[in-house]
Structures are given as C-alpha cells and as structure tokens.
C-alpha cells in the first residue's frame, strides 16, 4: 500500500480519523477516553493544534483539526503515539494499537467545516449507539449546545459564529436525524482533498506541482489525472457552441490523454464505465467522417499540449 499524501501548511483544516487494528476497540472504559482527551488537550498546548470538534467511538475516533503551523504529522504522532503507549502499558501488551496510518482529508473550511462538524456529532446516532447526539458523552456536541462548560482547548466559536447561537446549531444537526445522510467525505478527491474546484486547483498548484511524488504516492497520481480532466473540460467548454458535443469531445480527449482509467472518468462525468467507453468510441467514429470537427478537436489537443 502506498504511503498517504500529507499536505501541510499553516492554517490548514483536516478531518482526521484513526481506527483500531483489526477493527478492535481502542477505548475500553471511561479512563481510556479521558486519557485520549488529555492527549488532545496537550496537542493544543505543545503543538498549537486547534481542535474544532471530536467524537470518540468504540474502535475509532473523528477529529476536526486546524494547524497553526505545518505540523499535522507531529500532532498526530503525539496523539496516537502517546495514547498507544498509555494503552499498551496499562494492559501489558505490545504492538500496534491503530490500523495503519491515520487518515487525514484536507478540507476547504469555508465550504465544509460546518457540515463536517455535524457529520462528526451524528456518528453515534448513525452507529445506533444513541438516538440523540447529546446522549453520547464522548464528543464535542454537548459543548456546542451549551449543556456543559466548554474546555479552553476546544474551539467551538469558529463553527457557531455561522449560526449566531447554539440553538440554531442544534437545529442544524437535528435536521438530519432520521434521514439518509451521505457523508461529506464521499466527495473527497483521492481521499485527500475536499473542497471546490478553485480550492483543489490552488492546493495542487501551491503544494504539489513540481514535486517528484507521482511515482510514490497514489493520491498524487489520482489528483494529477483529475486536474488533467478538469483542464480538458474547461478548454472544451464553449468551443463548439453545443454542450452535448462539448461533453462528448471532453470525454474523448480525457479518455485519450488524461491517463485516467474508465472508472475514474465515469466518476468525474457521472457516467458508467460502459457509457464512457461507448461515448469515446462513437465520437472517434464521428471524427472519422467529419474533417472540420477533426481539425477543431486536433487544434484543442495541440493547445492543451496533449497530442
């Protein structure tokens, strides 16, 4: 398995989760949970972490973190490492407590911070542990709705300022009770970036371009392909004055030149693998019988430096 991609910079926001090895419980009792929260607190004082939300389940946890410095690996090494040492010492065991590396999705805060806080706080309800999110003691939800004093290390104001008061935030969360709720993380690109197109483009241009990572990090390869597809779509848009024709041309060019697999193209264009394959094949046949269209498509490819 390739190593995960870590994009770090000052002011970055992340959804972080880590699961127990072999999906076993990492929290056995109240003391375990209290100890983990102590390590969250010490990550704030020692490493400048900003904790916006958290939820401790049985065999995993969720965090909504912001970094003042480009030091997410140090923060997580402290949290997971210190807790593993505590857990192993207490139970006279050795070895890994967590399943592989932690997962961290870099998020566009303005777009997803509120939604992810709701997703995190509803975890116990989705898992069938409680019927209401405030019934779960081991999350930041009780702090958000004002039923207990908020510790100084927990930053709830960033999310709450979008609502005005805790009652409106509570309504925001409870609006999703009993409803089918798609995880916002399903929209993440390569399980690495969650945000709008401009955010993704900015992150790639600022933190990925020019780095020799594609060969070693699967997420970078997928992000690179996605960026190529987007570049193709943007350059084809408006080229023919016919949106259907432009979509067919974009699929054809992306199929030929982006390096993306049919499945990846299907995910991007919202079509099945067979639909992508058929569209590309049919457009190629259409080009064979239309010299003018062929020249226009060739010109697009040349401008994009795809030929």
C-alpha atoms as a PDB file:
ATOM      1  CA  UNK A   1       0.000   0.000   0.000  1.00  0.00           C
ATOM      2  CA  UNK A   2       1.389   3.410  -0.945  1.00  0.00           C
ATOM      3  CA  UNK A   3       2.065   5.925   1.730  1.00  0.00           C
ATOM      4  CA  UNK A   4      -0.651   8.528   2.280  1.00  0.00           C
ATOM      5  CA  UNK A   5      -0.257  12.013   0.922  1.00  0.00           C
ATOM      6  CA  UNK A   6       0.204  14.663   3.614  1.00  0.00           C
ATOM      7  CA  UNK A   7      -0.365  18.241   2.501  1.00  0.00           C
ATOM      8  CA  UNK A   8       0.641  20.507   5.365  1.00  0.00           C
ATOM      9  CA  UNK A   9       0.700  24.270   5.766  1.00  0.00           C
ATOM     10  CA  UNK A  10      -0.141  26.907   8.343  1.00  0.00           C
ATOM     11  CA  UNK A  11      -3.886  27.356   8.739  1.00  0.00           C
ATOM     12  CA  UNK A  12      -4.816  24.024   7.132  1.00  0.00           C
ATOM     13  CA  UNK A  13      -8.029  22.252   8.228  1.00  0.00           C
ATOM     14  CA  UNK A  14      -8.385  18.476   8.338  1.00  0.00           C
ATOM     15  CA  UNK A  15     -10.864  15.748   9.068  1.00  0.00           C
ATOM     16  CA  UNK A  16      -8.781  13.079  10.808  1.00  0.00           C
ATOM     17  CA  UNK A  17      -9.775   9.561  11.739  1.00  0.00           C
ATOM     18  CA  UNK A  18      -7.918   6.528  13.016  1.00  0.00           C
ATOM     19  CA  UNK A  19      -9.267   3.024  13.553  1.00  0.00           C
ATOM     20  CA  UNK A  20      -8.246   0.197  15.857  1.00  0.00           C
ATOM     21  CA  UNK A  21      -6.039  -2.540  14.474  1.00  0.00           C
ATOM     22  CA  UNK A  22      -8.185  -5.388  13.094  1.00  0.00           C
ATOM     23  CA  UNK A  23     -11.130  -3.056  13.859  1.00  0.00           C
ATOM     24  CA  UNK A  24     -10.793  -3.852  17.558  1.00  0.00           C
ATOM     25  CA  UNK A  25     -11.876  -1.403  20.249  1.00  0.00           C
ATOM     26  CA  UNK A  26      -9.348   1.240  21.205  1.00  0.00           C
ATOM     27  CA  UNK A  27     -11.446   2.577  24.103  1.00  0.00           C
ATOM     28  CA  UNK A  28     -12.377   0.024  26.753  1.00  0.00           C
ATOM     29  CA  UNK A  29     -13.625   2.269  29.543  1.00  0.00           C
ATOM     30  CA  UNK A  30     -14.091   5.811  30.773  1.00  0.00           C
ATOM     31  CA  UNK A  31     -10.465   6.166  31.831  1.00  0.00           C
ATOM     32  CA  UNK A  32      -9.262   5.357  28.308  1.00  0.00           C
ATOM     33  CA  UNK A  33     -11.452   8.078  26.838  1.00  0.00           C
ATOM     34  CA  UNK A  34     -10.394  10.598  29.460  1.00  0.00           C
ATOM     35  CA  UNK A  35      -6.749   9.821  28.733  1.00  0.00           C
ATOM     36  CA  UNK A  36      -7.216  10.277  24.999  1.00  0.00           C
ATOM     37  CA  UNK A  37      -8.878  13.650  25.583  1.00  0.00           C
ATOM     38  CA  UNK A  38      -5.914  14.638  27.738  1.00  0.00           C
ATOM     39  CA  UNK A  39      -3.666  13.989  24.755  1.00  0.00           C
ATOM     40  CA  UNK A  40      -5.943  16.110  22.592  1.00  0.00           C
ATOM     41  CA  UNK A  41      -5.537  18.917  25.103  1.00  0.00           C
ATOM     42  CA  UNK A  42      -1.758  18.536  25.264  1.00  0.00           C
ATOM     43  CA  UNK A  43      -1.576  18.637  21.442  1.00  0.00           C
ATOM     44  CA  UNK A  44      -3.073  22.131  21.702  1.00  0.00           C
ATOM     45  CA  UNK A  45      -0.574  23.368  24.278  1.00  0.00           C
ATOM     46  CA  UNK A  46       2.516  21.624  22.899  1.00  0.00           C
ATOM     47  CA  UNK A  47       1.956  21.764  19.144  1.00  0.00           C
ATOM     48  CA  UNK A  48      -0.536  24.577  18.637  1.00  0.00           C
ATOM     49  CA  UNK A  49      -3.275  22.286  17.316  1.00  0.00           C
ATOM     50  CA  UNK A  50      -6.768  23.784  17.099  1.00  0.00           C
ATOM     51  CA  UNK A  51      -9.476  21.217  17.847  1.00  0.00           C
ATOM     52  CA  UNK A  52     -12.820  22.273  16.367  1.00  0.00           C
ATOM     53  CA  UNK A  53     -14.741  19.044  17.021  1.00  0.00           C
ATOM     54  CA  UNK A  54     -14.209  15.455  18.090  1.00  0.00           C
ATOM     55  CA  UNK A  55     -16.064  12.190  18.632  1.00  0.00           C
ATOM     56  CA  UNK A  56     -14.695   9.064  20.303  1.00  0.00           C
ATOM     57  CA  UNK A  57     -16.445   5.897  19.196  1.00  0.00           C
ATOM     58  CA  UNK A  58     -15.504   2.373  20.291  1.00  0.00           C
ATOM     59  CA  UNK A  59     -12.957   1.306  17.700  1.00  0.00           C
ATOM     60  CA  UNK A  60     -12.184   4.663  16.077  1.00  0.00           C
ATOM     61  CA  UNK A  61     -12.352   8.416  16.508  1.00  0.00           C
ATOM     62  CA  UNK A  62     -13.042  11.531  14.431  1.00  0.00           C
ATOM     63  CA  UNK A  63     -11.280  14.897  14.774  1.00  0.00           C
ATOM     64  CA  UNK A  64     -11.775  18.241  13.068  1.00  0.00           C
ATOM     65  CA  UNK A  65      -8.361  19.874  13.350  1.00  0.00           C
ATOM     66  CA  UNK A  66      -6.670  23.075  12.272  1.00  0.00           C
ATOM     67  CA  UNK A  67      -2.906  23.563  12.334  1.00  0.00           C
ATOM     68  CA  UNK A  68      -1.250  26.870  13.216  1.00  0.00           C
ATOM     69  CA  UNK A  69       1.956  25.504  11.698  1.00  0.00           C
ATOM     70  CA  UNK A  70       2.603  22.908   9.007  1.00  0.00           C
ATOM     71  CA  UNK A  71       2.859  20.175  11.615  1.00  0.00           C
ATOM     72  CA  UNK A  72      -0.030  17.719  11.305  1.00  0.00           C
ATOM     73  CA  UNK A  73       2.332  14.682  11.398  1.00  0.00           C
ATOM     74  CA  UNK A  74       3.849  15.881  14.681  1.00  0.00           C
ATOM     75  CA  UNK A  75       0.407  16.482  16.196  1.00  0.00           C
ATOM     76  CA  UNK A  76      -0.848  13.041  15.213  1.00  0.00           C
ATOM     77  CA  UNK A  77       2.366  11.333  16.268  1.00  0.00           C
ATOM     78  CA  UNK A  78       1.826  12.851  19.693  1.00  0.00           C
ATOM     79  CA  UNK A  79      -1.869  11.928  19.965  1.00  0.00           C
ATOM     80  CA  UNK A  80      -1.708   8.388  18.581  1.00  0.00           C
ATOM     81  CA  UNK A  81       1.763   7.626  19.926  1.00  0.00           C
ATOM     82  CA  UNK A  82       1.112   8.819  23.464  1.00  0.00           C
ATOM     83  CA  UNK A  83      -2.235   7.060  23.622  1.00  0.00           C
ATOM     84  CA  UNK A  84      -0.755   3.798  22.290  1.00  0.00           C
ATOM     85  CA  UNK A  85       1.977   3.928  24.942  1.00  0.00           C
ATOM     86  CA  UNK A  86      -0.630   4.514  27.651  1.00  0.00           C
ATOM     87  CA  UNK A  87      -2.914   1.739  26.355  1.00  0.00           C
ATOM     88  CA  UNK A  88      -0.125  -0.816  25.968  1.00  0.00           C
ATOM     89  CA  UNK A  89       1.436  -0.051  29.338  1.00  0.00           C
ATOM     90  CA  UNK A  90      -1.899  -0.280  31.150  1.00  0.00           C
ATOM     91  CA  UNK A  91      -2.715  -3.648  29.587  1.00  0.00           C
ATOM     92  CA  UNK A  92       0.829  -5.040  29.455  1.00  0.00           C
ATOM     93  CA  UNK A  93       0.672  -5.506  25.709  1.00  0.00           C
ATOM     94  CA  UNK A  94       2.979  -4.660  22.799  1.00  0.00           C
ATOM     95  CA  UNK A  95       2.450  -3.862  19.141  1.00  0.00           C
ATOM     96  CA  UNK A  96       0.224  -1.627  17.076  1.00  0.00           C
ATOM     97  CA  UNK A  97      -3.000  -0.296  18.512  1.00  0.00           C
ATOM     98  CA  UNK A  98      -4.152   1.561  15.396  1.00  0.00           C
ATOM     99  CA  UNK A  99      -4.768   0.098  11.955  1.00  0.00           C
ATOM    100  CA  UNK A 100      -2.078   1.533   9.728  1.00  0.00           C
ATOM    101  CA  UNK A 101      -1.664   5.261   9.343  1.00  0.00           C
ATOM    102  CA  UNK A 102      -4.278   7.778  10.335  1.00  0.00           C
ATOM    103  CA  UNK A 103      -6.458   9.179   7.542  1.00  0.00           C
ATOM    104  CA  UNK A 104      -6.458  12.934   7.058  1.00  0.00           C
ATOM    105  CA  UNK A 105      -8.544  14.779   4.480  1.00  0.00           C
ATOM    106  CA  UNK A 106      -7.545  18.382   3.822  1.00  0.00           C
ATOM    107  CA  UNK A 107     -10.749  20.425   3.672  1.00  0.00           C
ATOM    108  CA  UNK A 108     -11.880  23.810   2.436  1.00  0.00           C
ATOM    109  CA  UNK A 109     -13.036  25.235   5.765  1.00  0.00           C
ATOM    110  CA  UNK A 110     -15.479  27.838   4.445  1.00  0.00           C
ATOM    111  CA  UNK A 111     -17.286  25.161   2.479  1.00  0.00           C
ATOM    112  CA  UNK A 112     -17.149  22.098   4.729  1.00  0.00           C
ATOM    113  CA  UNK A 113     -16.271  22.951   8.343  1.00  0.00           C
ATOM    114  CA  UNK A 114     -19.917  23.225   9.467  1.00  0.00           C
ATOM    115  CA  UNK A 115     -21.048  20.157   7.540  1.00  0.00           C
ATOM    116  CA  UNK A 116     -18.221  18.023   8.883  1.00  0.00           C
ATOM    117  CA  UNK A 117     -18.897  19.112  12.458  1.00  0.00           C
ATOM    118  CA  UNK A 118     -22.461  17.849  12.004  1.00  0.00           C
ATOM    119  CA  UNK A 119     -21.214  14.619  10.422  1.00  0.00           C
ATOM    120  CA  UNK A 120     -18.867  14.032  13.364  1.00  0.00           C
ATOM    121  CA  UNK A 121     -21.502  14.773  16.005  1.00  0.00           C
ATOM    122  CA  UNK A 122     -24.041  12.460  14.359  1.00  0.00           C
ATOM    123  CA  UNK A 123     -21.651   9.491  14.312  1.00  0.00           C
ATOM    124  CA  UNK A 124     -23.056   7.842  17.479  1.00  0.00           C
ATOM    125  CA  UNK A 125     -26.607   8.123  16.101  1.00  0.00           C
ATOM    126  CA  UNK A 126     -25.657   6.617  12.730  1.00  0.00           C
ATOM    127  CA  UNK A 127     -23.884   3.769  14.537  1.00  0.00           C
ATOM    128  CA  UNK A 128     -27.006   3.034  16.603  1.00  0.00           C
ATOM    129  CA  UNK A 129     -25.252   3.838  19.887  1.00  0.00           C
ATOM    130  CA  UNK A 130     -27.703   6.618  20.793  1.00  0.00           C
ATOM    131  CA  UNK A 131     -30.925   8.135  19.476  1.00  0.00           C
ATOM    132  CA  UNK A 132     -29.843  11.722  20.075  1.00  0.00           C
ATOM    133  CA  UNK A 133     -26.306  13.086  19.624  1.00  0.00           C
ATOM    134  CA  UNK A 134     -26.198  14.726  23.083  1.00  0.00           C
ATOM    135  CA  UNK A 135     -26.638  11.310  24.709  1.00  0.00           C
ATOM    136  CA  UNK A 136     -23.066  10.473  23.716  1.00  0.00           C
ATOM    137  CA  UNK A 137     -20.746  11.969  26.341  1.00  0.00           C
ATOM    138  CA  UNK A 138     -17.561  11.498  24.370  1.00  0.00           C
ATOM    139  CA  UNK A 139     -17.988  14.083  21.642  1.00  0.00           C
ATOM    140  CA  UNK A 140     -17.871  17.868  21.498  1.00  0.00           C
ATOM    141  CA  UNK A 141     -21.603  18.127  20.778  1.00  0.00           C
ATOM    142  CA  UNK A 142     -22.559  18.813  24.398  1.00  0.00           C
ATOM    143  CA  UNK A 143     -20.115  21.711  24.383  1.00  0.00           C
ATOM    144  CA  UNK A 144     -21.633  23.074  21.176  1.00  0.00           C
ATOM    145  CA  UNK A 145     -25.189  23.088  22.554  1.00  0.00           C
ATOM    146  CA  UNK A 146     -24.170  24.536  25.921  1.00  0.00           C
ATOM    147  CA  UNK A 147     -25.119  21.705  28.275  1.00  0.00           C
ATOM    148  CA  UNK A 148     -21.648  21.611  29.836  1.00  0.00           C
ATOM    149  CA  UNK A 149     -18.772  24.096  30.222  1.00  0.00           C
ATOM    150  CA  UNK A 150     -16.525  24.152  27.181  1.00  0.00           C
ATOM    151  CA  UNK A 151     -12.853  23.420  27.950  1.00  0.00           C
ATOM    152  CA  UNK A 152     -10.406  26.141  26.988  1.00  0.00           C
ATOM    153  CA  UNK A 153      -8.612  23.889  24.497  1.00  0.00           C
ATOM    154  CA  UNK A 154     -11.743  23.226  22.404  1.00  0.00           C
ATOM    155  CA  UNK A 155     -12.570  25.836  19.738  1.00  0.00           C
ATOM    156  CA  UNK A 156     -16.324  25.871  19.104  1.00  0.00           C
ATOM    157  CA  UNK A 157     -16.745  29.532  18.177  1.00  0.00           C
ATOM    158  CA  UNK A 158     -15.482  29.162  14.599  1.00  0.00           C
ATOM    159  CA  UNK A 159     -18.427  26.926  13.688  1.00  0.00           C
ATOM    160  CA  UNK A 160     -21.006  28.574  15.961  1.00  0.00           C
ATOM    161  CA  UNK A 161     -20.382  32.058  14.593  1.00  0.00           C
ATOM    162  CA  UNK A 162     -22.039  30.918  11.366  1.00  0.00           C
ATOM    163  CA  UNK A 163     -25.248  30.201  13.287  1.00  0.00           C
ATOM    164  CA  UNK A 164     -25.426  33.010  15.812  1.00  0.00           C
ATOM    165  CA  UNK A 165     -26.198  30.781  18.788  1.00  0.00           C
ATOM    166  CA  UNK A 166     -26.078  27.171  19.956  1.00  0.00           C
ATOM    167  CA  UNK A 167     -29.821  26.620  19.489  1.00  0.00           C
ATOM    168  CA  UNK A 168     -29.567  27.228  15.750  1.00  0.00           C
ATOM    169  CA  UNK A 169     -26.594  24.893  15.553  1.00  0.00           C
ATOM    170  CA  UNK A 170     -28.566  22.257  17.423  1.00  0.00           C
ATOM    171  CA  UNK A 171     -31.380  22.583  14.895  1.00  0.00           C
ATOM    172  CA  UNK A 172     -28.846  22.303  12.077  1.00  0.00           C
ATOM    173  CA  UNK A 173     -27.640  18.975  13.466  1.00  0.00           C
ATOM    174  CA  UNK A 174     -31.060  17.602  14.394  1.00  0.00           C
ATOM    175  CA  UNK A 175     -32.429  18.406  10.930  1.00  0.00           C
ATOM    176  CA  UNK A 176     -30.614  15.297   9.706  1.00  0.00           C
ATOM    177  CA  UNK A 177     -31.960  12.910  12.349  1.00  0.00           C
ATOM    178  CA  UNK A 178     -33.860  10.039  10.791  1.00  0.00           C
ATOM    179  CA  UNK A 179     -32.768  10.980   7.273  1.00  0.00           C
ATOM    180  CA  UNK A 180     -30.494   9.289   4.786  1.00  0.00           C
ATOM    181  CA  UNK A 181     -27.271  11.174   5.245  1.00  0.00           C
ATOM    182  CA  UNK A 182     -24.458  10.966   2.721  1.00  0.00           C
ATOM    183  CA  UNK A 183     -21.036  11.509   4.198  1.00  0.00           C
ATOM    184  CA  UNK A 184     -19.440  14.774   3.011  1.00  0.00           C
ATOM    185  CA  UNK A 185     -16.181  12.826   2.842  1.00  0.00           C
ATOM    186  CA  UNK A 186     -17.535  10.826  -0.095  1.00  0.00           C
ATOM    187  CA  UNK A 187     -16.868  13.934  -2.189  1.00  0.00           C
ATOM    188  CA  UNK A 188     -13.171  13.985  -1.318  1.00  0.00           C
ATOM    189  CA  UNK A 189     -10.780  13.667  -4.254  1.00  0.00           C
ATOM    190  CA  UNK A 190      -8.453  10.697  -3.895  1.00  0.00           C
ATOM    191  CA  UNK A 191      -9.419  10.549  -0.198  1.00  0.00           C
ATOM    192  CA  UNK A 192      -7.148  13.551   0.204  1.00  0.00           C
ATOM    193  CA  UNK A 193      -8.852  16.849  -0.723  1.00  0.00           C
ATOM    194  CA  UNK A 194     -12.360  18.068  -0.002  1.00  0.00           C
ATOM    195  CA  UNK A 195     -13.349  21.393  -1.483  1.00  0.00           C
ATOM    196  CA  UNK A 196     -14.452  23.325  -4.525  1.00  0.00           C
ATOM    197  CA  UNK A 197     -12.642  23.308  -7.830  1.00  0.00           C
ATOM    198  CA  UNK A 198     -10.709  26.522  -7.148  1.00  0.00           C
ATOM    199  CA  UNK A 199      -9.570  25.187  -3.759  1.00  0.00           C
ATOM    200  CA  UNK A 200      -8.339  21.940  -5.278  1.00  0.00           C
ATOM    201  CA  UNK A 201      -6.545  23.764  -8.089  1.00  0.00           C
ATOM    202  CA  UNK A 202      -4.900  26.159  -5.636  1.00  0.00           C
ATOM    203  CA  UNK A 203      -3.700  23.375  -3.351  1.00  0.00           C
ATOM    204  CA  UNK A 204      -2.286  21.389  -6.249  1.00  0.00           C
ATOM    205  CA  UNK A 205      -0.551  24.396  -7.750  1.00  0.00           C
ATOM    206  CA  UNK A 206       0.873  25.542  -4.414  1.00  0.00           C
ATOM    207  CA  UNK A 207       1.730  22.291  -2.679  1.00  0.00           C
ATOM    208  CA  UNK A 208       2.051  19.575  -5.319  1.00  0.00           C
ATOM    209  CA  UNK A 209       3.308  20.951  -8.636  1.00  0.00           C
ATOM    210  CA  UNK A 210       6.989  20.409  -9.259  1.00  0.00           C
ATOM    211  CA  UNK A 211       7.312  17.684  -6.635  1.00  0.00           C
ATOM    212  CA  UNK A 212       8.502  14.254  -7.724  1.00  0.00           C
ATOM    213  CA  UNK A 213       5.724  12.399  -5.914  1.00  0.00           C
ATOM    214  CA  UNK A 214       3.576  10.811  -8.593  1.00  0.00           C
ATOM    215  CA  UNK A 215       5.553   7.594  -8.721  1.00  0.00           C
ATOM    216  CA  UNK A 216       5.365   7.032  -4.943  1.00  0.00           C
ATOM    217  CA  UNK A 217       2.034   8.445  -3.784  1.00  0.00           C
ATOM    218  CA  UNK A 218      -1.172   7.036  -5.342  1.00  0.00           C
ATOM    219  CA  UNK A 219      -3.195  10.063  -4.220  1.00  0.00           C
ATOM    220  CA  UNK A 220      -0.934  12.397  -6.200  1.00  0.00           C
ATOM    221  CA  UNK A 221      -1.355  10.304  -9.325  1.00  0.00           C
ATOM    222  CA  UNK A 222      -5.126  10.422  -8.992  1.00  0.00           C
ATOM    223  CA  UNK A 223      -5.113  14.154  -8.258  1.00  0.00           C
ATOM    224  CA  UNK A 224      -2.910  14.738 -11.281  1.00  0.00           C
ATOM    225  CA  UNK A 225      -5.326  12.824 -13.504  1.00  0.00           C
ATOM    226  CA  UNK A 226      -8.291  14.725 -12.082  1.00  0.00           C
ATOM    227  CA  UNK A 227      -6.560  18.003 -12.765  1.00  0.00           C
ATOM    228  CA  UNK A 228      -5.891  16.999 -16.369  1.00  0.00           C
ATOM    229  CA  UNK A 229      -9.546  16.056 -16.845  1.00  0.00           C
ATOM    230  CA  UNK A 230     -10.665  19.398 -15.429  1.00  0.00           C
ATOM    231  CA  UNK A 231      -8.249  21.245 -17.693  1.00  0.00           C
ATOM    232  CA  UNK A 232      -9.667  19.405 -20.707  1.00  0.00           C
ATOM    233  CA  UNK A 233     -13.273  20.126 -19.736  1.00  0.00           C
ATOM    234  CA  UNK A 234     -12.555  23.814 -19.126  1.00  0.00           C
ATOM    235  CA  UNK A 235     -10.848  24.226 -22.508  1.00  0.00           C
ATOM    236  CA  UNK A 236     -13.545  22.358 -24.429  1.00  0.00           C
ATOM    237  CA  UNK A 237     -16.345  24.340 -22.786  1.00  0.00           C
ATOM    238  CA  UNK A 238     -17.753  26.811 -25.312  1.00  0.00           C
ATOM    239  CA  UNK A 239     -15.570  25.519 -28.150  1.00  0.00           C
ATOM    240  CA  UNK A 240     -18.444  24.268 -30.306  1.00  0.00           C
ATOM    241  CA  UNK A 241     -21.482  26.137 -29.014  1.00  0.00           C
ATOM    242  CA  UNK A 242     -23.158  22.797 -28.350  1.00  0.00           C
ATOM    243  CA  UNK A 243     -22.983  21.446 -24.781  1.00  0.00           C
ATOM    244  CA  UNK A 244     -23.702  17.842 -25.789  1.00  0.00           C
ATOM    245  CA  UNK A 245     -20.985  17.897 -28.442  1.00  0.00           C
ATOM    246  CA  UNK A 246     -18.580  19.517 -25.998  1.00  0.00           C
ATOM    247  CA  UNK A 247     -19.223  16.796 -23.412  1.00  0.00           C
ATOM    248  CA  UNK A 248     -18.545  14.089 -25.997  1.00  0.00           C
ATOM    249  CA  UNK A 249     -15.342  15.853 -27.065  1.00  0.00           C
ATOM    250  CA  UNK A 250     -14.234  16.249 -23.433  1.00  0.00           C
ATOM    251  CA  UNK A 251     -14.830  12.559 -22.705  1.00  0.00           C
ATOM    252  CA  UNK A 252     -12.962  11.568 -25.860  1.00  0.00           C
ATOM    253  CA  UNK A 253      -9.961  13.796 -25.107  1.00  0.00           C
ATOM    254  CA  UNK A 254      -9.885  12.817 -21.443  1.00  0.00           C
ATOM    255  CA  UNK A 255     -10.060   9.140 -22.378  1.00  0.00           C
ATOM    256  CA  UNK A 256      -7.169   9.500 -24.779  1.00  0.00           C
ATOM    257  CA  UNK A 257      -4.880  11.887 -22.951  1.00  0.00           C
ATOM    258  CA  UNK A 258      -5.560  12.238 -19.211  1.00  0.00           C
ATOM    259  CA  UNK A 259      -4.187   8.851 -18.194  1.00  0.00           C
ATOM    260  CA  UNK A 260      -7.329   8.228 -16.121  1.00  0.00           C
ATOM    261  CA  UNK A 261      -8.993   4.839 -16.124  1.00  0.00           C
ATOM    262  CA  UNK A 262     -12.560   4.369 -17.336  1.00  0.00           C
ATOM    263  CA  UNK A 263     -13.775   4.103 -13.744  1.00  0.00           C
ATOM    264  CA  UNK A 264     -12.114   7.413 -12.829  1.00  0.00           C
ATOM    265  CA  UNK A 265     -13.600   9.080 -15.908  1.00  0.00           C
ATOM    266  CA  UNK A 266     -17.008   7.673 -15.021  1.00  0.00           C
ATOM    267  CA  UNK A 267     -16.760   9.100 -11.510  1.00  0.00           C
ATOM    268  CA  UNK A 268     -15.855  12.515 -12.876  1.00  0.00           C
ATOM    269  CA  UNK A 269     -18.511  12.700 -15.599  1.00  0.00           C
ATOM    270  CA  UNK A 270     -21.183  10.863 -13.607  1.00  0.00           C
ATOM    271  CA  UNK A 271     -21.486   8.013 -16.094  1.00  0.00           C
ATOM    272  CA  UNK A 272     -20.967   4.255 -16.106  1.00  0.00           C
ATOM    273  CA  UNK A 273     -17.745   2.691 -17.359  1.00  0.00           C
ATOM    274  CA  UNK A 274     -19.524   1.307 -20.429  1.00  0.00           C
ATOM    275  CA  UNK A 275     -21.095   4.715 -21.181  1.00  0.00           C
ATOM    276  CA  UNK A 276     -17.668   6.369 -21.128  1.00  0.00           C
ATOM    277  CA  UNK A 277     -16.206   3.695 -23.398  1.00  0.00           C
ATOM    278  CA  UNK A 278     -19.103   3.896 -25.863  1.00  0.00           C
ATOM    279  CA  UNK A 279     -19.081   7.691 -25.927  1.00  0.00           C
ATOM    280  CA  UNK A 280     -15.364   7.808 -26.691  1.00  0.00           C
ATOM    281  CA  UNK A 281     -15.642   5.147 -29.394  1.00  0.00           C
ATOM    282  CA  UNK A 282     -18.655   6.785 -31.048  1.00  0.00           C
ATOM    283  CA  UNK A 283     -17.014  10.199 -31.041  1.00  0.00           C
ATOM    284  CA  UNK A 284     -13.915   8.723 -32.693  1.00  0.00           C
ATOM    285  CA  UNK A 285     -16.159   7.326 -35.437  1.00  0.00           C
ATOM    286  CA  UNK A 286     -17.837  10.731 -35.743  1.00  0.00           C
ATOM    287  CA  UNK A 287     -14.439  12.371 -36.212  1.00  0.00           C
ATOM    288  CA  UNK A 288     -13.566   9.929 -38.985  1.00  0.00           C
ATOM    289  CA  UNK A 289     -16.485  11.236 -41.031  1.00  0.00           C
ATOM    290  CA  UNK A 290     -16.126  14.947 -40.269  1.00  0.00           C
ATOM    291  CA  UNK A 291     -12.917  16.626 -41.396  1.00  0.00           C
ATOM    292  CA  UNK A 292     -13.819  20.022 -39.933  1.00  0.00           C
ATOM    293  CA  UNK A 293     -14.612  18.576 -36.495  1.00  0.00           C
ATOM    294  CA  UNK A 294     -11.422  16.534 -36.607  1.00  0.00           C
ATOM    295  CA  UNK A 295      -9.346  19.679 -37.188  1.00  0.00           C
ATOM    296  CA  UNK A 296     -11.102  21.511 -34.363  1.00  0.00           C
ATOM    297  CA  UNK A 297     -10.516  18.646 -31.918  1.00  0.00           C
ATOM    298  CA  UNK A 298      -6.903  18.291 -33.049  1.00  0.00           C
ATOM    299  CA  UNK A 299      -6.434  22.025 -32.513  1.00  0.00           C
ATOM    300  CA  UNK A 300      -7.807  21.703 -28.962  1.00  0.00           C
ATOM    301  CA  UNK A 301      -5.457  18.819 -28.245  1.00  0.00           C
ATOM    302  CA  UNK A 302      -2.487  20.761 -29.598  1.00  0.00           C
ATOM    303  CA  UNK A 303      -3.328  23.821 -27.490  1.00  0.00           C
ATOM    304  CA  UNK A 304      -3.616  21.633 -24.419  1.00  0.00           C
ATOM    305  CA  UNK A 305      -0.263  20.056 -25.226  1.00  0.00           C
ATOM    306  CA  UNK A 306      -1.937  16.673 -25.207  1.00  0.00           C
ATOM    307  CA  UNK A 307      -1.017  15.436 -28.662  1.00  0.00           C
END
